[in-house]
Amino acid sequence: LGEMEHAKAVQTVISLQNVYKLNTQGLTQAIDFLNAVENQTSTSLQDLADAIPRVGPVVAQMGGSFKDAAAMMVAMKEAGVPAAQSARAV
């Protein structure tokens, strides 16, 4: 990973831990899920890394999980809305 990608990956991990209170096993499962989202949709891990720190707290306050946040980002990406813009919209 380049320096910028590494920083975003760290930011995403910290966001997942802080917002969703994930332990090590939960964090591993979250990362595995986000990788699967990237592999099965047009949404990249970079898109998710950009969006989760912004949208995660909002989704968590509404009782949602990181899976819900990822599903919202995928839906918006499929509709042509960039991840950063969709995160601001939420």
PDB file of N, CA and C in Angstrom:
ATOM      1  N   LEU A   1       0.833  -1.185   0.000  1.00  0.00           N
ATOM      2  CA  LEU A   1       0.000   0.000   0.000  1.00  0.00           C
ATOM      3  C   LEU A   1       0.876   1.245   0.000  1.00  0.00           C
ATOM      4  N   GLY A   2       0.432   2.253  -0.721  1.00  0.00           N
ATOM      5  CA  GLY A   2       1.109   3.538  -0.678  1.00  0.00           C
ATOM      6  C   GLY A   2       0.796   4.222   0.642  1.00  0.00           C
ATOM      7  N   GLU A   3       1.492   5.300   0.904  1.00  0.00           N
ATOM      8  CA  GLU A   3       1.312   5.996   2.179  1.00  0.00           C
ATOM      9  C   GLU A   3      -0.126   6.469   2.379  1.00  0.00           C
ATOM     10  N   MET A   4      -0.734   7.012   1.323  1.00  0.00           N
ATOM     11  CA  MET A   4      -2.110   7.506   1.414  1.00  0.00           C
ATOM     12  C   MET A   4      -3.091   6.357   1.631  1.00  0.00           C
ATOM     13  N   GLU A   5      -2.911   5.258   0.902  1.00  0.00           N
ATOM     14  CA  GLU A   5      -3.809   4.111   1.057  1.00  0.00           C
ATOM     15  C   GLU A   5      -3.685   3.512   2.447  1.00  0.00           C
ATOM     16  N   HIS A   6      -2.449   3.452   2.945  1.00  0.00           N
ATOM     17  CA  HIS A   6      -2.219   2.914   4.286  1.00  0.00           C
ATOM     18  C   HIS A   6      -2.927   3.779   5.331  1.00  0.00           C
ATOM     19  N   ALA A   7      -2.833   5.088   5.186  1.00  0.00           N
ATOM     20  CA  ALA A   7      -3.481   6.000   6.132  1.00  0.00           C
ATOM     21  C   ALA A   7      -4.997   5.807   6.110  1.00  0.00           C
ATOM     22  N   LYS A   8      -5.580   5.643   4.921  1.00  0.00           N
ATOM     23  CA  LYS A   8      -7.032   5.434   4.820  1.00  0.00           C
ATOM     24  C   LYS A   8      -7.426   4.091   5.421  1.00  0.00           C
ATOM     25  N   ALA A   9      -6.608   3.068   5.206  1.00  0.00           N
ATOM     26  CA  ALA A   9      -6.895   1.749   5.773  1.00  0.00           C
ATOM     27  C   ALA A   9      -6.882   1.817   7.295  1.00  0.00           C
ATOM     28  N   VAL A  10      -5.906   2.502   7.846  1.00  0.00           N
ATOM     29  CA  VAL A  10      -5.823   2.662   9.300  1.00  0.00           C
ATOM     30  C   VAL A  10      -7.033   3.439   9.810  1.00  0.00           C
ATOM     31  N   GLN A  11      -7.394   4.498   9.102  1.00  0.00           N
ATOM     32  CA  GLN A  11      -8.557   5.311   9.491  1.00  0.00           C
ATOM     33  C   GLN A  11      -9.831   4.464   9.478  1.00  0.00           C
ATOM     34  N   THR A  12      -9.958   3.597   8.484  1.00  0.00           N
ATOM     35  CA  THR A  12     -11.138   2.738   8.390  1.00  0.00           C
ATOM     36  C   THR A  12     -11.182   1.754   9.551  1.00  0.00           C
ATOM     37  N   VAL A  13     -10.049   1.142   9.867  1.00  0.00           N
ATOM     38  CA  VAL A  13      -9.982   0.188  10.982  1.00  0.00           C
ATOM     39  C   VAL A  13     -10.335   0.888  12.291  1.00  0.00           C
ATOM     40  N   ILE A  14      -9.779   2.073  12.502  1.00  0.00           N
ATOM     41  CA  ILE A  14     -10.076   2.818  13.726  1.00  0.00           C
ATOM     42  C   ILE A  14     -11.557   3.176  13.790  1.00  0.00           C
ATOM     43  N   SER A  15     -12.108   3.594  12.660  1.00  0.00           N
ATOM     44  CA  SER A  15     -13.540   3.928  12.624  1.00  0.00           C
ATOM     45  C   SER A  15     -14.391   2.717  12.955  1.00  0.00           C
ATOM     46  N   LEU A  16     -14.067   1.584  12.355  1.00  0.00           N
ATOM     47  CA  LEU A  16     -14.832   0.364  12.628  1.00  0.00           C
ATOM     48  C   LEU A  16     -14.768   0.015  14.114  1.00  0.00           C
ATOM     49  N   GLN A  17     -13.584   0.132  14.706  1.00  0.00           N
ATOM     50  CA  GLN A  17     -13.440  -0.198  16.120  1.00  0.00           C
ATOM     51  C   GLN A  17     -14.197   0.795  17.004  1.00  0.00           C
ATOM     52  N   ASN A  18     -14.042   2.069  16.724  1.00  0.00           N
ATOM     53  CA  ASN A  18     -14.655   3.091  17.574  1.00  0.00           C
ATOM     54  C   ASN A  18     -16.170   3.155  17.418  1.00  0.00           C
ATOM     55  N   VAL A  19     -16.638   3.162  16.193  1.00  0.00           N
ATOM     56  CA  VAL A  19     -18.068   3.342  15.948  1.00  0.00           C
ATOM     57  C   VAL A  19     -18.862   2.098  16.302  1.00  0.00           C
ATOM     58  N   TYR A  20     -18.362   0.940  15.885  1.00  0.00           N
ATOM     59  CA  TYR A  20     -19.131  -0.297  16.056  1.00  0.00           C
ATOM     60  C   TYR A  20     -18.645  -1.150  17.222  1.00  0.00           C
ATOM     61  N   LYS A  21     -17.656  -0.659  17.957  1.00  0.00           N
ATOM     62  CA  LYS A  21     -17.143  -1.346  19.160  1.00  0.00           C
ATOM     63  C   LYS A  21     -16.763  -2.799  18.866  1.00  0.00           C
ATOM     64  N   LEU A  22     -16.025  -2.998  17.776  1.00  0.00           N
ATOM     65  CA  LEU A  22     -15.645  -4.345  17.363  1.00  0.00           C
ATOM     66  C   LEU A  22     -14.395  -4.808  18.100  1.00  0.00           C
ATOM     67  N   ASN A  23     -14.409  -6.072  18.507  1.00  0.00           N
ATOM     68  CA  ASN A  23     -13.202  -6.671  19.051  1.00  0.00           C
ATOM     69  C   ASN A  23     -12.362  -7.184  17.883  1.00  0.00           C
ATOM     70  N   THR A  24     -11.280  -7.855  18.158  1.00  0.00           N
ATOM     71  CA  THR A  24     -10.388  -8.320  17.098  1.00  0.00           C
ATOM     72  C   THR A  24     -11.101  -9.251  16.133  1.00  0.00           C
ATOM     73  N   GLN A  25     -11.876 -10.175  16.655  1.00  0.00           N
ATOM     74  CA  GLN A  25     -12.607 -11.103  15.784  1.00  0.00           C
ATOM     75  C   GLN A  25     -13.649 -10.356  14.952  1.00  0.00           C
ATOM     76  N   GLY A  26     -14.366  -9.446  15.560  1.00  0.00           N
ATOM     77  CA  GLY A  26     -15.362  -8.663  14.834  1.00  0.00           C
ATOM     78  C   GLY A  26     -14.725  -7.800  13.765  1.00  0.00           C
ATOM     79  N   LEU A  27     -13.572  -7.248  14.071  1.00  0.00           N
ATOM     80  CA  LEU A  27     -12.857  -6.420  13.104  1.00  0.00           C
ATOM     81  C   LEU A  27     -12.403  -7.258  11.916  1.00  0.00           C
ATOM     82  N   THR A  28     -11.912  -8.449  12.181  1.00  0.00           N
ATOM     83  CA  THR A  28     -11.507  -9.363  11.104  1.00  0.00           C
ATOM     84  C   THR A  28     -12.692  -9.698  10.215  1.00  0.00           C
ATOM     85  N   GLN A  29     -13.838  -9.974  10.826  1.00  0.00           N
ATOM     86  CA  GLN A  29     -15.036 -10.283  10.056  1.00  0.00           C
ATOM     87  C   GLN A  29     -15.492  -9.072   9.240  1.00  0.00           C
ATOM     88  N   ALA A  30     -15.367  -7.886   9.807  1.00  0.00           N
ATOM     89  CA  ALA A  30     -15.759  -6.668   9.089  1.00  0.00           C
ATOM     90  C   ALA A  30     -14.875  -6.454   7.866  1.00  0.00           C
ATOM     91  N   ILE A  31     -13.592  -6.625   8.031  1.00  0.00           N
ATOM     92  CA  ILE A  31     -12.664  -6.450   6.910  1.00  0.00           C
ATOM     93  C   ILE A  31     -12.921  -7.504   5.847  1.00  0.00           C
ATOM     94  N   ASP A  32     -13.165  -8.742   6.275  1.00  0.00           N
ATOM     95  CA  ASP A  32     -13.504  -9.802   5.316  1.00  0.00           C
ATOM     96  C   ASP A  32     -14.776  -9.438   4.544  1.00  0.00           C
ATOM     97  N   PHE A  33     -15.771  -8.908   5.247  1.00  0.00           N
ATOM     98  CA  PHE A  33     -17.018  -8.511   4.601  1.00  0.00           C
ATOM     99  C   PHE A  33     -16.778  -7.397   3.589  1.00  0.00           C
ATOM    100  N   LEU A  34     -16.009  -6.380   3.987  1.00  0.00           N
ATOM    101  CA  LEU A  34     -15.736  -5.264   3.084  1.00  0.00           C
ATOM    102  C   LEU A  34     -14.954  -5.725   1.857  1.00  0.00           C
ATOM    103  N   ASN A  35     -14.036  -6.679   2.041  1.00  0.00           N
ATOM    104  CA  ASN A  35     -13.320  -7.248   0.893  1.00  0.00           C
ATOM    105  C   ASN A  35     -14.284  -7.982  -0.030  1.00  0.00           C
ATOM    106  N   ALA A  36     -15.231  -8.705   0.550  1.00  0.00           N
ATOM    107  CA  ALA A  36     -16.226  -9.415  -0.267  1.00  0.00           C
ATOM    108  C   ALA A  36     -17.091  -8.424  -1.037  1.00  0.00           C
ATOM    109  N   VAL A  37     -17.465  -7.317  -0.386  1.00  0.00           N
ATOM    110  CA  VAL A  37     -18.238  -6.274  -1.071  1.00  0.00           C
ATOM    111  C   VAL A  37     -17.457  -5.764  -2.274  1.00  0.00           C
ATOM    112  N   GLU A  38     -16.175  -5.513  -2.072  1.00  0.00           N
ATOM    113  CA  GLU A  38     -15.348  -5.022  -3.168  1.00  0.00           C
ATOM    114  C   GLU A  38     -15.288  -6.037  -4.310  1.00  0.00           C
ATOM    115  N   ASN A  39     -15.154  -7.307  -3.966  1.00  0.00           N
ATOM    116  CA  ASN A  39     -15.023  -8.356  -4.986  1.00  0.00           C
ATOM    117  C   ASN A  39     -16.316  -8.629  -5.741  1.00  0.00           C
ATOM    118  N   GLN A  40     -17.453  -8.328  -5.141  1.00  0.00           N
ATOM    119  CA  GLN A  40     -18.739  -8.693  -5.744  1.00  0.00           C
ATOM    120  C   GLN A  40     -19.541  -7.516  -6.284  1.00  0.00           C
ATOM    121  N   THR A  41     -19.023  -6.299  -6.104  1.00  0.00           N
ATOM    122  CA  THR A  41     -19.754  -5.117  -6.570  1.00  0.00           C
ATOM    123  C   THR A  41     -18.784  -4.164  -7.266  1.00  0.00           C
ATOM    124  N   SER A  42     -19.327  -3.062  -7.725  1.00  0.00           N
ATOM    125  CA  SER A  42     -18.488  -2.035  -8.349  1.00  0.00           C
ATOM    126  C   SER A  42     -17.878  -1.098  -7.312  1.00  0.00           C
ATOM    127  N   THR A  43     -18.188  -1.309  -6.053  1.00  0.00           N
ATOM    128  CA  THR A  43     -17.671  -0.459  -4.977  1.00  0.00           C
ATOM    129  C   THR A  43     -16.308  -0.968  -4.543  1.00  0.00           C
ATOM    130  N   SER A  44     -15.331  -0.093  -4.577  1.00  0.00           N
ATOM    131  CA  SER A  44     -13.971  -0.494  -4.211  1.00  0.00           C
ATOM    132  C   SER A  44     -13.753  -0.368  -2.705  1.00  0.00           C
ATOM    133  N   LEU A  45     -12.735  -1.020  -2.228  1.00  0.00           N
ATOM    134  CA  LEU A  45     -12.368  -0.893  -0.823  1.00  0.00           C
ATOM    135  C   LEU A  45     -11.983   0.549  -0.526  1.00  0.00           C
ATOM    136  N   GLN A  46     -11.412   1.225  -1.511  1.00  0.00           N
ATOM    137  CA  GLN A  46     -11.084   2.642  -1.350  1.00  0.00           C
ATOM    138  C   GLN A  46     -12.351   3.470  -1.152  1.00  0.00           C
ATOM    139  N   ASP A  47     -13.399   3.155  -1.928  1.00  0.00           N
ATOM    140  CA  ASP A  47     -14.682   3.842  -1.747  1.00  0.00           C
ATOM    141  C   ASP A  47     -15.185   3.657  -0.321  1.00  0.00           C
ATOM    142  N   LEU A  48     -15.133   2.430   0.154  1.00  0.00           N
ATOM    143  CA  LEU A  48     -15.616   2.130   1.501  1.00  0.00           C
ATOM    144  C   LEU A  48     -14.744   2.797   2.558  1.00  0.00           C
ATOM    145  N   ALA A  49     -13.434   2.798   2.332  1.00  0.00           N
ATOM    146  CA  ALA A  49     -12.515   3.440   3.275  1.00  0.00           C
ATOM    147  C   ALA A  49     -12.781   4.939   3.357  1.00  0.00           C
ATOM    148  N   ASP A  50     -13.143   5.539   2.220  1.00  0.00           N
ATOM    149  CA  ASP A  50     -13.469   6.965   2.210  1.00  0.00           C
ATOM    150  C   ASP A  50     -14.778   7.251   2.940  1.00  0.00           C
ATOM    151  N   ALA A  51     -15.743   6.357   2.802  1.00  0.00           N
ATOM    152  CA  ALA A  51     -17.089   6.617   3.305  1.00  0.00           C
ATOM    153  C   ALA A  51     -17.301   6.222   4.768  1.00  0.00           C
ATOM    154  N   ILE A  52     -16.753   5.124   5.198  1.00  0.00           N
ATOM    155  CA  ILE A  52     -17.069   4.594   6.530  1.00  0.00           C
ATOM    156  C   ILE A  52     -16.756   5.573   7.665  1.00  0.00           C
ATOM    157  N   PRO A  53     -15.613   6.263   7.644  1.00  0.00           N
ATOM    158  CA  PRO A  53     -15.387   7.203   8.745  1.00  0.00           C
ATOM    159  C   PRO A  53     -16.438   8.313   8.816  1.00  0.00           C
ATOM    160  N   ARG A  54     -17.036   8.656   7.693  1.00  0.00           N
ATOM    161  CA  ARG A  54     -18.047   9.726   7.677  1.00  0.00           C
ATOM    162  C   ARG A  54     -19.445   9.197   7.944  1.00  0.00           C
ATOM    163  N   VAL A  55     -19.787   8.078   7.316  1.00  0.00           N
ATOM    164  CA  VAL A  55     -21.159   7.592   7.388  1.00  0.00           C
ATOM    165  C   VAL A  55     -21.371   6.615   8.550  1.00  0.00           C
ATOM    166  N   GLY A  56     -20.307   5.979   9.003  1.00  0.00           N
ATOM    167  CA  GLY A  56     -20.422   4.990  10.072  1.00  0.00           C
ATOM    168  C   GLY A  56     -21.113   5.496  11.325  1.00  0.00           C
ATOM    169  N   PRO A  57     -20.698   6.653  11.859  1.00  0.00           N
ATOM    170  CA  PRO A  57     -21.348   7.144  13.074  1.00  0.00           C
ATOM    171  C   PRO A  57     -22.840   7.432  12.884  1.00  0.00           C
ATOM    172  N   VAL A  58     -23.216   7.928  11.719  1.00  0.00           N
ATOM    173  CA  VAL A  58     -24.629   8.225  11.448  1.00  0.00           C
ATOM    174  C   VAL A  58     -25.433   6.929  11.405  1.00  0.00           C
ATOM    175  N   VAL A  59     -24.905   5.943  10.691  1.00  0.00           N
ATOM    176  CA  VAL A  59     -25.593   4.653  10.582  1.00  0.00           C
ATOM    177  C   VAL A  59     -25.683   3.988  11.955  1.00  0.00           C
ATOM    178  N   ALA A  60     -24.613   4.054  12.723  1.00  0.00           N
ATOM    179  CA  ALA A  60     -24.617   3.450  14.060  1.00  0.00           C
ATOM    180  C   ALA A  60     -25.651   4.120  14.964  1.00  0.00           C
ATOM    181  N   GLN A  61     -25.784   5.442  14.870  1.00  0.00           N
ATOM    182  CA  GLN A  61     -26.782   6.149  15.681  1.00  0.00           C
ATOM    183  C   GLN A  61     -28.200   5.719  15.331  1.00  0.00           C
ATOM    184  N   MET A  62     -28.405   5.293  14.091  1.00  0.00           N
ATOM    185  CA  MET A  62     -29.723   4.826  13.669  1.00  0.00           C
ATOM    186  C   MET A  62     -29.901   3.336  13.947  1.00  0.00           C
ATOM    187  N   GLY A  63     -28.918   2.722  14.613  1.00  0.00           N
ATOM    188  CA  GLY A  63     -29.013   1.316  14.968  1.00  0.00           C
ATOM    189  C   GLY A  63     -28.481   0.368  13.903  1.00  0.00           C
ATOM    190  N   GLY A  64     -27.807   0.905  12.896  1.00  0.00           N
ATOM    191  CA  GLY A  64     -27.283   0.078  11.812  1.00  0.00           C
ATOM    192  C   GLY A  64     -25.878  -0.425  12.086  1.00  0.00           C
ATOM    193  N   SER A  65     -25.456  -1.347  11.274  1.00  0.00           N
ATOM    194  CA  SER A  65     -24.131  -1.947  11.391  1.00  0.00           C
ATOM    195  C   SER A  65     -23.252  -1.490  10.236  1.00  0.00           C
ATOM    196  N   PHE A  66     -21.991  -1.920  10.261  1.00  0.00           N
ATOM    197  CA  PHE A  66     -21.088  -1.613   9.163  1.00  0.00           C
ATOM    198  C   PHE A  66     -21.592  -2.254   7.867  1.00  0.00           C
ATOM    199  N   LYS A  67     -22.318  -3.354   7.988  1.00  0.00           N
ATOM    200  CA  LYS A  67     -22.888  -4.001   6.797  1.00  0.00           C
ATOM    201  C   LYS A  67     -23.959  -3.109   6.171  1.00  0.00           C
ATOM    202  N   ASP A  68     -24.758  -2.482   7.026  1.00  0.00           N
ATOM    203  CA  ASP A  68     -25.771  -1.546   6.530  1.00  0.00           C
ATOM    204  C   ASP A  68     -25.116  -0.355   5.838  1.00  0.00           C
ATOM    205  N   ALA A  69     -24.054   0.162   6.451  1.00  0.00           N
ATOM    206  CA  ALA A  69     -23.334   1.296   5.849  1.00  0.00           C
ATOM    207  C   ALA A  69     -22.762   0.899   4.493  1.00  0.00           C
ATOM    208  N   ALA A  70     -22.174  -0.286   4.412  1.00  0.00           N
ATOM    209  CA  ALA A  70     -21.601  -0.751   3.146  1.00  0.00           C
ATOM    210  C   ALA A  70     -22.696  -0.935   2.095  1.00  0.00           C
ATOM    211  N   ALA A  71     -23.838  -1.478   2.505  1.00  0.00           N
ATOM    212  CA  ALA A  71     -24.948  -1.678   1.555  1.00  0.00           C
ATOM    213  C   ALA A  71     -25.434  -0.341   1.004  1.00  0.00           C
ATOM    214  N   MET A  72     -25.499   0.672   1.863  1.00  0.00           N
ATOM    215  CA  MET A  72     -25.904   2.001   1.397  1.00  0.00           C
ATOM    216  C   MET A  72     -24.898   2.559   0.399  1.00  0.00           C
ATOM    217  N   MET A  73     -23.624   2.367   0.683  1.00  0.00           N
ATOM    218  CA  MET A  73     -22.586   2.881  -0.212  1.00  0.00           C
ATOM    219  C   MET A  73     -22.626   2.160  -1.566  1.00  0.00           C
ATOM    220  N   VAL A  74     -22.868   0.852  -1.533  1.00  0.00           N
ATOM    221  CA  VAL A  74     -22.973   0.085  -2.777  1.00  0.00           C
ATOM    222  C   VAL A  74     -24.162   0.577  -3.595  1.00  0.00           C
ATOM    223  N   ALA A  75     -25.298   0.754  -2.943  1.00  0.00           N
ATOM    224  CA  ALA A  75     -26.500   1.207  -3.658  1.00  0.00           C
ATOM    225  C   ALA A  75     -26.269   2.568  -4.308  1.00  0.00           C
ATOM    226  N   MET A  76     -25.644   3.454  -3.584  1.00  0.00           N
ATOM    227  CA  MET A  76     -25.398   4.782  -4.142  1.00  0.00           C
ATOM    228  C   MET A  76     -24.365   4.736  -5.262  1.00  0.00           C
ATOM    229  N   LYS A  77     -23.342   3.914  -5.083  1.00  0.00           N
ATOM    230  CA  LYS A  77     -22.318   3.780  -6.132  1.00  0.00           C
ATOM    231  C   LYS A  77     -22.957   3.217  -7.401  1.00  0.00           C
ATOM    232  N   GLU A  78     -23.820   2.217  -7.246  1.00  0.00           N
ATOM    233  CA  GLU A  78     -24.505   1.624  -8.398  1.00  0.00           C
ATOM    234  C   GLU A  78     -25.391   2.651  -9.100  1.00  0.00           C
ATOM    235  N   ALA A  79     -25.877   3.643  -8.343  1.00  0.00           N
ATOM    236  CA  ALA A  79     -26.714   4.709  -8.921  1.00  0.00           C
ATOM    237  C   ALA A  79     -25.856   5.828  -9.503  1.00  0.00           C
ATOM    238  N   GLY A  80     -24.529   5.679  -9.412  1.00  0.00           N
ATOM    239  CA  GLY A  80     -23.633   6.664 -10.003  1.00  0.00           C
ATOM    240  C   GLY A  80     -23.177   7.772  -9.072  1.00  0.00           C
ATOM    241  N   VAL A  81     -23.446   7.624  -7.785  1.00  0.00           N
ATOM    242  CA  VAL A  81     -23.035   8.638  -6.824  1.00  0.00           C
ATOM    243  C   VAL A  81     -21.697   8.237  -6.227  1.00  0.00           C
ATOM    244  N   PRO A  82     -20.672   9.065  -6.345  1.00  0.00           N
ATOM    245  CA  PRO A  82     -19.360   8.729  -5.766  1.00  0.00           C
ATOM    246  C   PRO A  82     -19.447   8.531  -4.243  1.00  0.00           C
ATOM    247  N   ALA A  83     -18.554   7.699  -3.714  1.00  0.00           N
ATOM    248  CA  ALA A  83     -18.593   7.347  -2.291  1.00  0.00           C
ATOM    249  C   ALA A  83     -18.524   8.573  -1.381  1.00  0.00           C
ATOM    250  N   ALA A  84     -17.616   9.476  -1.649  1.00  0.00           N
ATOM    251  CA  ALA A  84     -17.472  10.653  -0.785  1.00  0.00           C
ATOM    252  C   ALA A  84     -18.742  11.496  -0.801  1.00  0.00           C
ATOM    253  N   GLN A  85     -19.351  11.630  -1.969  1.00  0.00           N
ATOM    254  CA  GLN A  85     -20.575  12.418  -2.091  1.00  0.00           C
ATOM    255  C   GLN A  85     -21.736  11.710  -1.397  1.00  0.00           C
ATOM    256  N   SER A  86     -21.816  10.385  -1.520  1.00  0.00           N
ATOM    257  CA  SER A  86     -22.907   9.653  -0.867  1.00  0.00           C
ATOM    258  C   SER A  86     -22.750   9.677   0.639  1.00  0.00           C
ATOM    259  N   ALA A  87     -21.516   9.641   1.141  1.00  0.00           N
ATOM    260  CA  ALA A  87     -21.295   9.715   2.578  1.00  0.00           C
ATOM    261  C   ALA A  87     -21.758  11.061   3.124  1.00  0.00           C
ATOM    262  N   ARG A  88     -21.499  12.116   2.375  1.00  0.00           N
ATOM    263  CA  ARG A  88     -21.966  13.447   2.807  1.00  0.00           C
ATOM    264  C   ARG A  88     -23.492  13.512   2.766  1.00  0.00           C
ATOM    265  N   ALA A  89     -24.088  12.836   1.805  1.00  0.00           N
ATOM    266  CA  ALA A  89     -25.547  12.860   1.666  1.00  0.00           C
ATOM    267  C   ALA A  89     -26.242  12.178   2.830  1.00  0.00           C
ATOM    268  N   VAL A  90     -25.627  11.137   3.334  1.00  0.00           N
ATOM    269  CA  VAL A  90     -26.218  10.409   4.462  1.00  0.00           C
ATOM    270  C   VAL A  90     -26.165  11.288   5.687  1.00  0.00           C
TER     271      VAL A  90
END
